[in-house]
């Protein structure tokens, strides 16, 4: 996982891996009777590391896409989300449809589905690709970009952090699902992972993660009538 995506993948004050995905990985390891080693890898490097055998699983808020599924396998989805917009506080942008025009500048993070969406749907806009989330957010906050395409929870969090300069358009314009990535042909492990996910959900594990890490986001989504991700 890439430990730069709180509250899903991050480090605690002692520098240790923490967050939703870390708790989920530890629970998975316990269910399989396997030790867990978290490796911090840049998001666009995760699939190459998996394919070359340096890691066994990707658990890093990764959206299952047809393009990615050509090179790796995925578990059953464990979280449903989508793409939303962070825009300037006084921006005239009201939806993603307002972005595909000359003169618009759209920030995306490298390797994400936001980048893929911009590539495929925003041919007339200027797409700005950043390696980190914070750099893309600052581009909007400083008025250098019209929007940042990212998931609704992160958009909500960043709008709260930069409330004087940004606002969130949370209703997803593209539905997505996150899943655990596995090497092609690793079918036995995929079956074990899927069995764990079903059991973990039935035992309330995802509900507990939502309350532990995403309580404020859950309430904000409820107020706006948007289904919560878990």
C-alpha atoms as a PDB file:
ATOM      1  CA  UNK A   1       0.000   0.000   0.000  1.00  0.00           C
ATOM      2  CA  UNK A   2       0.967   3.629  -0.329  1.00  0.00           C
ATOM      3  CA  UNK A   3       0.925   5.155   3.163  1.00  0.00           C
ATOM      4  CA  UNK A   4      -0.169   8.622   2.090  1.00  0.00           C
ATOM      5  CA  UNK A   5      -3.944   8.343   1.953  1.00  0.00           C
ATOM      6  CA  UNK A   6      -5.462   8.916   5.416  1.00  0.00           C
ATOM      7  CA  UNK A   7      -7.536   7.564   7.009  1.00  0.00           C
ATOM      8  CA  UNK A   8      -7.150   4.448   4.838  1.00  0.00           C
ATOM      9  CA  UNK A   9      -3.374   4.179   4.461  1.00  0.00           C
ATOM     10  CA  UNK A  10      -1.148   6.370   6.630  1.00  0.00           C
ATOM     11  CA  UNK A  11       1.438   6.396   9.411  1.00  0.00           C
ATOM     12  CA  UNK A  12       0.764   7.049  13.077  1.00  0.00           C
ATOM     13  CA  UNK A  13       2.750   9.566  15.198  1.00  0.00           C
ATOM     14  CA  UNK A  14       5.393   6.869  15.756  1.00  0.00           C
ATOM     15  CA  UNK A  15       5.777   6.347  12.010  1.00  0.00           C
ATOM     16  CA  UNK A  16       4.075   2.953  11.987  1.00  0.00           C
ATOM     17  CA  UNK A  17       1.499   1.939   9.336  1.00  0.00           C
ATOM     18  CA  UNK A  18      -2.067   2.751  10.397  1.00  0.00           C
ATOM     19  CA  UNK A  19      -5.558   3.209   9.002  1.00  0.00           C
ATOM     20  CA  UNK A  20      -8.503   1.300   7.591  1.00  0.00           C
ATOM     21  CA  UNK A  21      -6.454  -0.773   5.150  1.00  0.00           C
ATOM     22  CA  UNK A  22      -3.826  -1.623   7.763  1.00  0.00           C
ATOM     23  CA  UNK A  23      -6.493  -2.884  10.195  1.00  0.00           C
ATOM     24  CA  UNK A  24      -8.077  -4.846   7.351  1.00  0.00           C
ATOM     25  CA  UNK A  25      -4.722  -6.361   6.355  1.00  0.00           C
ATOM     26  CA  UNK A  26      -4.006  -7.408   9.931  1.00  0.00           C
ATOM     27  CA  UNK A  27      -7.431  -9.044  10.226  1.00  0.00           C
ATOM     28  CA  UNK A  28      -6.864 -10.834   6.917  1.00  0.00           C
ATOM     29  CA  UNK A  29      -3.480 -12.088   8.053  1.00  0.00           C
ATOM     30  CA  UNK A  30      -4.958 -13.378  11.298  1.00  0.00           C
ATOM     31  CA  UNK A  31      -7.729 -15.183   9.404  1.00  0.00           C
ATOM     32  CA  UNK A  32      -5.198 -16.840   7.072  1.00  0.00           C
ATOM     33  CA  UNK A  33      -2.715 -17.611   9.834  1.00  0.00           C
ATOM     34  CA  UNK A  34      -0.053 -15.603   8.020  1.00  0.00           C
ATOM     35  CA  UNK A  35       2.283 -12.849   9.267  1.00  0.00           C
ATOM     36  CA  UNK A  36       1.661  -9.433   7.717  1.00  0.00           C
ATOM     37  CA  UNK A  37       4.377  -7.149   6.380  1.00  0.00           C
ATOM     38  CA  UNK A  38       3.249  -3.729   5.178  1.00  0.00           C
ATOM     39  CA  UNK A  39       5.419  -2.260   2.418  1.00  0.00           C
ATOM     40  CA  UNK A  40       5.071   1.432   1.574  1.00  0.00           C
ATOM     41  CA  UNK A  41       5.165   1.717  -2.243  1.00  0.00           C
ATOM     42  CA  UNK A  42       4.144   4.591  -4.519  1.00  0.00           C
ATOM     43  CA  UNK A  43       0.682   3.975  -5.919  1.00  0.00           C
ATOM     44  CA  UNK A  44       1.798   3.710  -9.540  1.00  0.00           C
ATOM     45  CA  UNK A  45       4.429   1.163  -8.482  1.00  0.00           C
ATOM     46  CA  UNK A  46       2.041  -1.235  -6.732  1.00  0.00           C
ATOM     47  CA  UNK A  47       0.993  -3.294  -9.748  1.00  0.00           C
ATOM     48  CA  UNK A  48       4.580  -3.753 -11.039  1.00  0.00           C
ATOM     49  CA  UNK A  49       5.692  -4.873  -7.549  1.00  0.00           C
ATOM     50  CA  UNK A  50       2.835  -7.389  -7.417  1.00  0.00           C
ATOM     51  CA  UNK A  51       3.509  -8.773 -10.885  1.00  0.00           C
ATOM     52  CA  UNK A  52       7.197  -9.319 -10.136  1.00  0.00           C
ATOM     53  CA  UNK A  53       6.423 -11.176  -6.901  1.00  0.00           C
ATOM     54  CA  UNK A  54       7.888  -8.665  -4.461  1.00  0.00           C
ATOM     55  CA  UNK A  55       4.513  -8.372  -2.719  1.00  0.00           C
ATOM     56  CA  UNK A  56       1.592 -10.811  -2.444  1.00  0.00           C
ATOM     57  CA  UNK A  57      -1.390  -8.458  -2.233  1.00  0.00           C
ATOM     58  CA  UNK A  58      -2.317  -4.859  -2.974  1.00  0.00           C
ATOM     59  CA  UNK A  59      -4.576  -3.396  -0.291  1.00  0.00           C
ATOM     60  CA  UNK A  60      -4.381   0.308  -1.039  1.00  0.00           C
ATOM     61  CA  UNK A  61      -7.828   1.756  -1.831  1.00  0.00           C
ATOM     62  CA  UNK A  62      -7.399   0.538  -5.406  1.00  0.00           C
ATOM     63  CA  UNK A  63     -10.340   0.706  -7.790  1.00  0.00           C
ATOM     64  CA  UNK A  64     -10.943  -2.378  -9.890  1.00  0.00           C
ATOM     65  CA  UNK A  65     -10.907  -1.291 -13.533  1.00  0.00           C
ATOM     66  CA  UNK A  66     -10.938  -3.261 -16.795  1.00  0.00           C
ATOM     67  CA  UNK A  67      -7.523  -1.798 -17.626  1.00  0.00           C
ATOM     68  CA  UNK A  68      -5.961  -2.986 -14.363  1.00  0.00           C
ATOM     69  CA  UNK A  69      -7.743  -6.345 -14.595  1.00  0.00           C
ATOM     70  CA  UNK A  70      -5.799  -7.060 -17.773  1.00  0.00           C
ATOM     71  CA  UNK A  71      -2.598  -7.421 -15.737  1.00  0.00           C
ATOM     72  CA  UNK A  72      -3.736  -8.463 -12.228  1.00  0.00           C
ATOM     73  CA  UNK A  73      -6.693 -10.204 -10.581  1.00  0.00           C
ATOM     74  CA  UNK A  74      -8.991  -8.687  -7.966  1.00  0.00           C
ATOM     75  CA  UNK A  75     -10.934  -9.912  -4.989  1.00  0.00           C
ATOM     76  CA  UNK A  76     -14.617  -9.239  -4.591  1.00  0.00           C
ATOM     77  CA  UNK A  77     -15.218  -5.510  -3.947  1.00  0.00           C
ATOM     78  CA  UNK A  78     -14.986  -4.487  -0.307  1.00  0.00           C
ATOM     79  CA  UNK A  79     -15.918  -0.799  -0.630  1.00  0.00           C
ATOM     80  CA  UNK A  80     -18.092   1.192  -3.039  1.00  0.00           C
ATOM     81  CA  UNK A  81     -17.187   4.774  -3.848  1.00  0.00           C
ATOM     82  CA  UNK A  82     -16.678   6.938  -6.942  1.00  0.00           C
ATOM     83  CA  UNK A  83     -15.189  10.138  -8.284  1.00  0.00           C
ATOM     84  CA  UNK A  84     -16.046  13.614  -7.004  1.00  0.00           C
ATOM     85  CA  UNK A  85     -14.708  17.156  -7.383  1.00  0.00           C
ATOM     86  CA  UNK A  86     -12.809  19.602  -5.218  1.00  0.00           C
ATOM     87  CA  UNK A  87     -13.268  23.073  -6.745  1.00  0.00           C
ATOM     88  CA  UNK A  88     -12.497  26.655  -5.832  1.00  0.00           C
ATOM     89  CA  UNK A  89     -14.695  28.308  -3.217  1.00  0.00           C
ATOM     90  CA  UNK A  90     -16.210  30.773  -5.693  1.00  0.00           C
ATOM     91  CA  UNK A  91     -15.796  28.641  -8.805  1.00  0.00           C
ATOM     92  CA  UNK A  92     -18.575  28.528 -11.382  1.00  0.00           C
ATOM     93  CA  UNK A  93     -17.930  24.799 -11.844  1.00  0.00           C
ATOM     94  CA  UNK A  94     -21.043  22.892 -10.783  1.00  0.00           C
ATOM     95  CA  UNK A  95     -20.372  19.465 -12.271  1.00  0.00           C
ATOM     96  CA  UNK A  96     -17.787  17.483 -14.172  1.00  0.00           C
ATOM     97  CA  UNK A  97     -19.559  18.530 -17.365  1.00  0.00           C
ATOM     98  CA  UNK A  98     -18.274  22.065 -16.831  1.00  0.00           C
ATOM     99  CA  UNK A  99     -14.643  20.944 -17.054  1.00  0.00           C
ATOM    100  CA  UNK A 100     -14.377  19.703 -20.638  1.00  0.00           C
ATOM    101  CA  UNK A 101     -13.708  23.032 -22.294  1.00  0.00           C
ATOM    102  CA  UNK A 102     -10.700  25.073 -23.365  1.00  0.00           C
ATOM    103  CA  UNK A 103      -9.073  27.067 -20.603  1.00  0.00           C
ATOM    104  CA  UNK A 104     -10.072  24.701 -17.814  1.00  0.00           C
ATOM    105  CA  UNK A 105      -7.243  23.239 -15.732  1.00  0.00           C
ATOM    106  CA  UNK A 106      -7.923  19.930 -13.958  1.00  0.00           C
ATOM    107  CA  UNK A 107      -5.638  18.396 -11.336  1.00  0.00           C
ATOM    108  CA  UNK A 108      -5.322  14.612 -10.957  1.00  0.00           C
ATOM    109  CA  UNK A 109      -3.050  12.252  -9.048  1.00  0.00           C
ATOM    110  CA  UNK A 110      -0.781  10.021 -11.100  1.00  0.00           C
ATOM    111  CA  UNK A 111      -1.967   6.432 -11.440  1.00  0.00           C
ATOM    112  CA  UNK A 112      -5.501   7.030 -10.160  1.00  0.00           C
ATOM    113  CA  UNK A 113      -8.877   6.551 -11.811  1.00  0.00           C
ATOM    114  CA  UNK A 114      -9.237  10.338 -11.693  1.00  0.00           C
ATOM    115  CA  UNK A 115      -6.341  10.539 -14.118  1.00  0.00           C
ATOM    116  CA  UNK A 116      -7.902   7.847 -16.324  1.00  0.00           C
ATOM    117  CA  UNK A 117     -11.234   9.682 -16.344  1.00  0.00           C
ATOM    118  CA  UNK A 118      -9.595  12.965 -17.323  1.00  0.00           C
ATOM    119  CA  UNK A 119      -7.634  11.234 -20.069  1.00  0.00           C
ATOM    120  CA  UNK A 120     -10.761   9.662 -21.558  1.00  0.00           C
ATOM    121  CA  UNK A 121     -13.359  12.411 -21.012  1.00  0.00           C
ATOM    122  CA  UNK A 122     -11.691  15.826 -20.706  1.00  0.00           C
ATOM    123  CA  UNK A 123      -9.884  16.175 -24.014  1.00  0.00           C
ATOM    124  CA  UNK A 124     -10.452  19.935 -24.242  1.00  0.00           C
ATOM    125  CA  UNK A 125      -9.201  20.754 -20.738  1.00  0.00           C
ATOM    126  CA  UNK A 126      -5.593  20.975 -19.584  1.00  0.00           C
ATOM    127  CA  UNK A 127      -4.915  18.015 -17.269  1.00  0.00           C
ATOM    128  CA  UNK A 128      -2.274  18.568 -14.589  1.00  0.00           C
ATOM    129  CA  UNK A 129      -0.793  15.315 -13.218  1.00  0.00           C
ATOM    130  CA  UNK A 130       0.725  15.294  -9.721  1.00  0.00           C
ATOM    131  CA  UNK A 131       2.516  12.552  -7.814  1.00  0.00           C
ATOM    132  CA  UNK A 132       0.873  13.497  -4.500  1.00  0.00           C
ATOM    133  CA  UNK A 133      -2.641  14.345  -3.333  1.00  0.00           C
ATOM    134  CA  UNK A 134      -1.613  17.453  -1.400  1.00  0.00           C
ATOM    135  CA  UNK A 135       0.047  19.057  -4.416  1.00  0.00           C
ATOM    136  CA  UNK A 136      -3.156  18.624  -6.435  1.00  0.00           C
ATOM    137  CA  UNK A 137      -5.268  20.040  -3.593  1.00  0.00           C
ATOM    138  CA  UNK A 138      -3.021  23.100  -3.265  1.00  0.00           C
ATOM    139  CA  UNK A 139      -3.321  23.725  -7.005  1.00  0.00           C
ATOM    140  CA  UNK A 140      -7.073  24.204  -6.488  1.00  0.00           C
ATOM    141  CA  UNK A 141      -6.741  26.089  -3.187  1.00  0.00           C
ATOM    142  CA  UNK A 142      -4.319  28.558  -4.787  1.00  0.00           C
ATOM    143  CA  UNK A 143      -6.563  29.101  -7.810  1.00  0.00           C
ATOM    144  CA  UNK A 144      -4.178  27.460 -10.260  1.00  0.00           C
ATOM    145  CA  UNK A 145      -6.606  24.650 -11.166  1.00  0.00           C
ATOM    146  CA  UNK A 146     -10.374  24.606 -11.577  1.00  0.00           C
ATOM    147  CA  UNK A 147     -10.877  21.177 -10.002  1.00  0.00           C
ATOM    148  CA  UNK A 148      -9.222  18.135  -8.494  1.00  0.00           C
ATOM    149  CA  UNK A 149     -10.788  14.757  -9.361  1.00  0.00           C
ATOM    150  CA  UNK A 150     -10.641  12.302  -6.448  1.00  0.00           C
ATOM    151  CA  UNK A 151     -12.845  10.120  -4.265  1.00  0.00           C
ATOM    152  CA  UNK A 152     -15.672  11.745  -2.235  1.00  0.00           C
ATOM    153  CA  UNK A 153     -14.208  11.048   1.216  1.00  0.00           C
ATOM    154  CA  UNK A 154     -10.887  12.655   0.365  1.00  0.00           C
ATOM    155  CA  UNK A 155     -12.617  15.562  -1.355  1.00  0.00           C
ATOM    156  CA  UNK A 156     -14.720  16.130   1.775  1.00  0.00           C
ATOM    157  CA  UNK A 157     -11.652  16.025   4.023  1.00  0.00           C
ATOM    158  CA  UNK A 158      -9.654  18.395   1.835  1.00  0.00           C
ATOM    159  CA  UNK A 159     -12.541  20.847   1.537  1.00  0.00           C
ATOM    160  CA  UNK A 160     -12.680  20.966   5.348  1.00  0.00           C
ATOM    161  CA  UNK A 161      -8.922  21.583   5.565  1.00  0.00           C
ATOM    162  CA  UNK A 162      -9.040  24.347   2.946  1.00  0.00           C
ATOM    163  CA  UNK A 163     -12.502  25.727   3.651  1.00  0.00           C
ATOM    164  CA  UNK A 164     -11.518  29.296   2.960  1.00  0.00           C
ATOM    165  CA  UNK A 165     -10.492  28.502  -0.612  1.00  0.00           C
ATOM    166  CA  UNK A 166     -12.288  25.330  -1.745  1.00  0.00           C
ATOM    167  CA  UNK A 167     -15.605  23.514  -1.696  1.00  0.00           C
ATOM    168  CA  UNK A 168     -16.671  19.924  -2.332  1.00  0.00           C
ATOM    169  CA  UNK A 169     -18.999  18.561  -5.005  1.00  0.00           C
ATOM    170  CA  UNK A 170     -19.505  15.166  -3.427  1.00  0.00           C
ATOM    171  CA  UNK A 171     -22.137  13.421  -5.517  1.00  0.00           C
ATOM    172  CA  UNK A 172     -20.101  10.851  -7.471  1.00  0.00           C
ATOM    173  CA  UNK A 173     -20.181  11.302 -11.239  1.00  0.00           C
ATOM    174  CA  UNK A 174     -18.615   7.855 -11.714  1.00  0.00           C
ATOM    175  CA  UNK A 175     -19.329   4.859  -9.500  1.00  0.00           C
ATOM    176  CA  UNK A 176     -16.355   2.733  -8.463  1.00  0.00           C
ATOM    177  CA  UNK A 177     -15.479  -0.180  -6.198  1.00  0.00           C
ATOM    178  CA  UNK A 178     -12.260  -0.917  -4.344  1.00  0.00           C
ATOM    179  CA  UNK A 179     -10.858  -4.440  -4.244  1.00  0.00           C
ATOM    180  CA  UNK A 180      -7.711  -6.292  -3.186  1.00  0.00           C
ATOM    181  CA  UNK A 181      -5.224  -6.908  -5.992  1.00  0.00           C
ATOM    182  CA  UNK A 182      -3.650 -10.335  -6.546  1.00  0.00           C
ATOM    183  CA  UNK A 183      -1.323 -11.864  -9.116  1.00  0.00           C
ATOM    184  CA  UNK A 184      -2.916 -13.476 -12.145  1.00  0.00           C
ATOM    185  CA  UNK A 185      -3.596 -17.154 -11.474  1.00  0.00           C
ATOM    186  CA  UNK A 186      -3.307 -16.907  -7.690  1.00  0.00           C
ATOM    187  CA  UNK A 187      -6.788 -18.425  -7.459  1.00  0.00           C
ATOM    188  CA  UNK A 188      -6.434 -20.265  -4.143  1.00  0.00           C
ATOM    189  CA  UNK A 189      -5.407 -17.078  -2.343  1.00  0.00           C
ATOM    190  CA  UNK A 190      -8.175 -15.111  -4.034  1.00  0.00           C
ATOM    191  CA  UNK A 191     -10.762 -17.618  -2.800  1.00  0.00           C
ATOM    192  CA  UNK A 192      -9.364 -17.308   0.732  1.00  0.00           C
ATOM    193  CA  UNK A 193      -9.448 -13.507   0.545  1.00  0.00           C
ATOM    194  CA  UNK A 194     -13.025 -13.501  -0.730  1.00  0.00           C
ATOM    195  CA  UNK A 195     -14.141 -15.859   2.050  1.00  0.00           C
ATOM    196  CA  UNK A 196     -12.486 -13.573   4.603  1.00  0.00           C
ATOM    197  CA  UNK A 197     -14.186 -10.451   3.199  1.00  0.00           C
ATOM    198  CA  UNK A 198     -17.624 -12.054   3.338  1.00  0.00           C
ATOM    199  CA  UNK A 199     -17.085 -13.275   6.891  1.00  0.00           C
ATOM    200  CA  UNK A 200     -15.574  -9.956   8.018  1.00  0.00           C
ATOM    201  CA  UNK A 201     -18.581  -8.060   6.697  1.00  0.00           C
ATOM    202  CA  UNK A 202     -21.048 -10.498   8.291  1.00  0.00           C
ATOM    203  CA  UNK A 203     -19.318 -10.057  11.666  1.00  0.00           C
ATOM    204  CA  UNK A 204     -19.600  -6.256  11.477  1.00  0.00           C
ATOM    205  CA  UNK A 205     -15.948  -5.640  10.766  1.00  0.00           C
ATOM    206  CA  UNK A 206     -16.525  -2.982   8.120  1.00  0.00           C
ATOM    207  CA  UNK A 207     -19.108  -1.232  10.282  1.00  0.00           C
ATOM    208  CA  UNK A 208     -16.530  -1.036  13.066  1.00  0.00           C
ATOM    209  CA  UNK A 209     -13.897   0.388  10.703  1.00  0.00           C
ATOM    210  CA  UNK A 210     -16.369   3.030   9.555  1.00  0.00           C
ATOM    211  CA  UNK A 211     -17.097   4.114  13.110  1.00  0.00           C
ATOM    212  CA  UNK A 212     -13.405   4.107  14.083  1.00  0.00           C
ATOM    213  CA  UNK A 213     -11.994   6.052  11.151  1.00  0.00           C
ATOM    214  CA  UNK A 214     -14.844   7.638   9.188  1.00  0.00           C
ATOM    215  CA  UNK A 215     -17.481   8.789  11.673  1.00  0.00           C
ATOM    216  CA  UNK A 216     -17.473  12.455  10.565  1.00  0.00           C
ATOM    217  CA  UNK A 217     -17.507  11.530   6.881  1.00  0.00           C
ATOM    218  CA  UNK A 218     -20.383   9.130   7.484  1.00  0.00           C
ATOM    219  CA  UNK A 219     -22.455  11.906   9.074  1.00  0.00           C
ATOM    220  CA  UNK A 220     -21.610  14.386   6.314  1.00  0.00           C
ATOM    221  CA  UNK A 221     -22.660  11.883   3.642  1.00  0.00           C
ATOM    222  CA  UNK A 222     -25.905  11.196   5.521  1.00  0.00           C
ATOM    223  CA  UNK A 223     -26.762  14.920   5.644  1.00  0.00           C
ATOM    224  CA  UNK A 224     -26.330  15.184   1.873  1.00  0.00           C
ATOM    225  CA  UNK A 225     -28.249  12.000   1.127  1.00  0.00           C
ATOM    226  CA  UNK A 226     -25.212  10.205  -0.352  1.00  0.00           C
ATOM    227  CA  UNK A 227     -24.853   6.479   0.476  1.00  0.00           C
ATOM    228  CA  UNK A 228     -21.924   5.746   2.775  1.00  0.00           C
ATOM    229  CA  UNK A 229     -19.131   3.792   1.152  1.00  0.00           C
ATOM    230  CA  UNK A 230     -19.210   0.613   3.271  1.00  0.00           C
END
